[in-house]
Amino acid sequence: MRSLEPASRGDVLSAASLLLTILAVLYSLWYSEIAAILEIRVPAHLEDASGDRRRVGNVLKTRALPLVLAAFLLTVVFLPEAVHLVVRWIRHAYNRGIWYAIRQYDPVSLALVLVVVGMGALTTYTGWLARRLLRLRRRLTPLD
């Protein structure tokens, strides 16, 4: 049986970067559709909004929520490593001085932290878009 070794930081960075790129491509492909749906105006008579309500629900289920879920899951997967790297750097700076920590600069570690920050930003923004879609769908739904 082959032993499982922990991935190198470069491998983790490569995986995180590739997955963030895939998320960014999906976001760029779907954003125009999401933005167009967010331009829908609530009609005076909500009975006239059934088509718009269906369109909002469809974009929510097939674009916005999958994107938020994927971005969130990827952020959660890579966040512990990024937090570990930041805490380690802070400890070095505290124990040995800021200049020591700066001289020990590791571009791969910094890049990984920045990729995870990018994932978090994408998660936050797509979550905000999904929330706007949910509110729009609620405003298009008549109270029975």
Protein backbone atom coordinates (compact mmCIF):
# COMPACT_ATOMS: atom_id res chain seq x y z
CA MET A 1 0.00 0.00 0.00
CA ARG A 2 1.28 3.43 -0.89
CA SER A 3 1.73 5.91 1.95
CA LEU A 4 -0.07 9.20 1.76
CA GLU A 5 2.21 12.18 2.10
CA PRO A 6 1.01 15.72 2.72
CA ALA A 7 0.92 17.87 -0.38
CA SER A 8 3.65 20.44 -0.81
CA ARG A 9 2.68 24.06 -0.47
CA GLY A 10 3.28 24.52 -4.21
CA ASP A 11 0.85 21.71 -5.00
CA VAL A 12 -1.75 23.26 -2.70
CA LEU A 13 -1.22 26.64 -4.40
CA SER A 14 -1.58 25.06 -7.83
CA ALA A 15 -4.81 23.31 -6.87
CA ALA A 16 -6.27 26.41 -5.21
CA SER A 17 -5.32 28.64 -8.15
CA LEU A 18 -6.81 26.25 -10.69
CA LEU A 19 -10.05 25.95 -8.76
CA LEU A 20 -10.28 29.72 -8.27
CA THR A 21 -9.74 30.15 -12.01
CA ILE A 22 -12.58 27.73 -12.77
CA LEU A 23 -14.84 29.64 -10.36
CA ALA A 24 -13.86 32.94 -11.95
CA VAL A 25 -14.64 31.60 -15.44
CA LEU A 26 -18.07 30.36 -14.31
CA TYR A 27 -18.70 33.70 -12.63
CA SER A 28 -17.76 35.62 -15.78
CA LEU A 29 -19.98 33.37 -17.92
CA TRP A 30 -22.99 33.64 -15.62
CA TYR A 31 -22.69 37.21 -14.34
CA SER A 32 -24.44 38.87 -17.29
CA GLU A 33 -27.44 36.58 -16.85
CA ILE A 34 -27.57 37.25 -13.11
CA ALA A 35 -27.21 41.01 -13.65
CA ALA A 36 -29.98 41.02 -16.28
CA ILE A 37 -32.35 39.25 -13.90
CA LEU A 38 -31.54 41.75 -11.15
CA GLU A 39 -32.78 44.53 -13.47
CA ILE A 40 -36.34 43.13 -13.34
CA ARG A 41 -38.77 45.66 -11.90
CA VAL A 42 -41.61 44.60 -9.65
CA PRO A 43 -44.93 45.26 -11.46
CA ALA A 44 -47.83 47.00 -9.78
CA HIS A 45 -49.89 43.80 -10.00
CA LEU A 46 -47.89 40.83 -8.75
CA GLU A 47 -50.17 38.44 -10.63
CA ASP A 48 -48.40 39.70 -13.77
CA ALA A 49 -44.98 38.66 -12.41
CA SER A 50 -45.22 34.87 -12.69
CA GLY A 51 -42.84 34.71 -15.68
CA ASP A 52 -40.32 36.98 -14.00
CA ARG A 53 -40.61 35.02 -10.76
CA ARG A 54 -39.86 31.80 -12.67
CA ARG A 55 -36.84 33.40 -14.38
CA VAL A 56 -35.47 34.69 -11.06
CA GLY A 57 -35.93 31.27 -9.46
CA ASN A 58 -34.26 29.54 -12.40
CA VAL A 59 -31.19 31.80 -12.32
CA LEU A 60 -31.04 31.45 -8.56
CA LYS A 61 -31.09 27.63 -8.72
CA THR A 62 -28.89 27.10 -11.76
CA ARG A 63 -26.39 29.96 -11.52
CA ALA A 64 -26.19 31.96 -8.31
CA LEU A 65 -26.60 29.30 -5.61
CA PRO A 66 -24.27 26.73 -7.24
CA LEU A 67 -21.65 29.45 -7.63
CA VAL A 68 -21.99 30.54 -3.98
CA LEU A 69 -21.87 26.95 -2.78
CA ALA A 70 -18.78 26.08 -4.84
CA ALA A 71 -16.96 29.26 -3.80
CA PHE A 72 -17.86 28.69 -0.14
CA LEU A 73 -16.73 25.06 -0.15
CA LEU A 74 -13.42 25.87 -1.81
CA THR A 75 -12.81 28.71 0.63
CA VAL A 76 -13.50 26.38 3.55
CA VAL A 77 -11.15 23.73 2.13
CA PHE A 78 -8.18 26.09 1.71
CA LEU A 79 -8.83 28.52 4.57
CA PRO A 80 -7.11 26.45 7.32
CA GLU A 81 -3.83 26.41 5.40
CA ALA A 82 -4.01 30.16 4.76
CA VAL A 83 -4.78 30.86 8.42
CA HIS A 84 -1.89 28.61 9.45
CA LEU A 85 0.49 30.56 7.20
CA VAL A 86 -0.68 33.95 8.47
CA VAL A 87 -0.45 32.86 12.12
CA ARG A 88 3.04 31.45 11.52
CA TRP A 89 4.17 34.73 9.95
CA ILE A 90 2.71 36.77 12.81
CA ARG A 91 4.46 34.54 15.35
CA HIS A 92 7.77 34.99 13.52
CA ALA A 93 7.26 38.74 13.46
CA TYR A 94 6.34 38.82 17.15
CA ASN A 95 9.11 36.49 18.38
CA ARG A 96 11.99 37.56 16.17
CA GLY A 97 10.96 40.96 14.88
CA ILE A 98 9.21 42.26 11.82
CA TRP A 99 12.39 42.46 9.74
CA TYR A 100 13.15 38.80 10.37
CA ALA A 101 9.66 37.86 9.22
CA ILE A 102 10.00 40.03 6.11
CA ARG A 103 13.40 38.50 5.26
CA GLN A 104 11.84 35.04 5.52
CA TYR A 105 9.41 36.03 2.76
CA ASP A 106 7.99 33.03 0.91
CA PRO A 107 6.22 33.97 -2.34
CA VAL A 108 4.40 30.62 -2.58
CA SER A 109 2.90 31.04 0.91
CA LEU A 110 1.90 34.63 0.20
CA ALA A 111 0.35 33.62 -3.13
CA LEU A 112 -1.67 30.90 -1.41
CA VAL A 113 -2.98 33.36 1.16
CA LEU A 114 -3.93 35.80 -1.63
CA VAL A 115 -5.72 33.06 -3.59
CA VAL A 116 -7.75 32.17 -0.50
CA VAL A 117 -8.57 35.87 0.02
CA GLY A 118 -9.75 35.92 -3.61
CA MET A 119 -11.95 32.90 -2.96
CA GLY A 120 -13.39 34.61 0.10
CA ALA A 121 -14.09 37.77 -1.89
CA LEU A 122 -15.82 35.75 -4.62
CA THR A 123 -17.85 33.89 -2.01
CA THR A 124 -18.92 37.15 -0.37
CA TYR A 125 -19.85 38.86 -3.62
CA THR A 126 -21.73 35.92 -5.11
CA GLY A 127 -23.52 35.47 -1.78
CA TRP A 128 -24.59 39.10 -1.94
CA LEU A 129 -25.87 38.61 -5.49
CA ALA A 130 -27.79 35.48 -4.45
CA ARG A 131 -29.33 37.37 -1.54
CA ARG A 132 -30.47 40.12 -3.92
CA LEU A 133 -32.04 37.47 -6.16
CA LEU A 134 -33.82 35.91 -3.17
CA ARG A 135 -35.20 39.30 -2.15
CA LEU A 136 -36.33 40.00 -5.70
CA ARG A 137 -38.11 36.65 -5.89
CA ARG A 138 -39.81 37.38 -2.57
CA ARG A 139 -40.95 40.82 -3.82
CA LEU A 140 -42.34 39.19 -6.98
CA THR A 141 -44.35 36.65 -4.99
CA PRO A 142 -47.94 37.68 -4.19
CA LEU A 143 -49.09 37.38 -0.60
CA ASP A 144 -51.98 34.91 -0.53
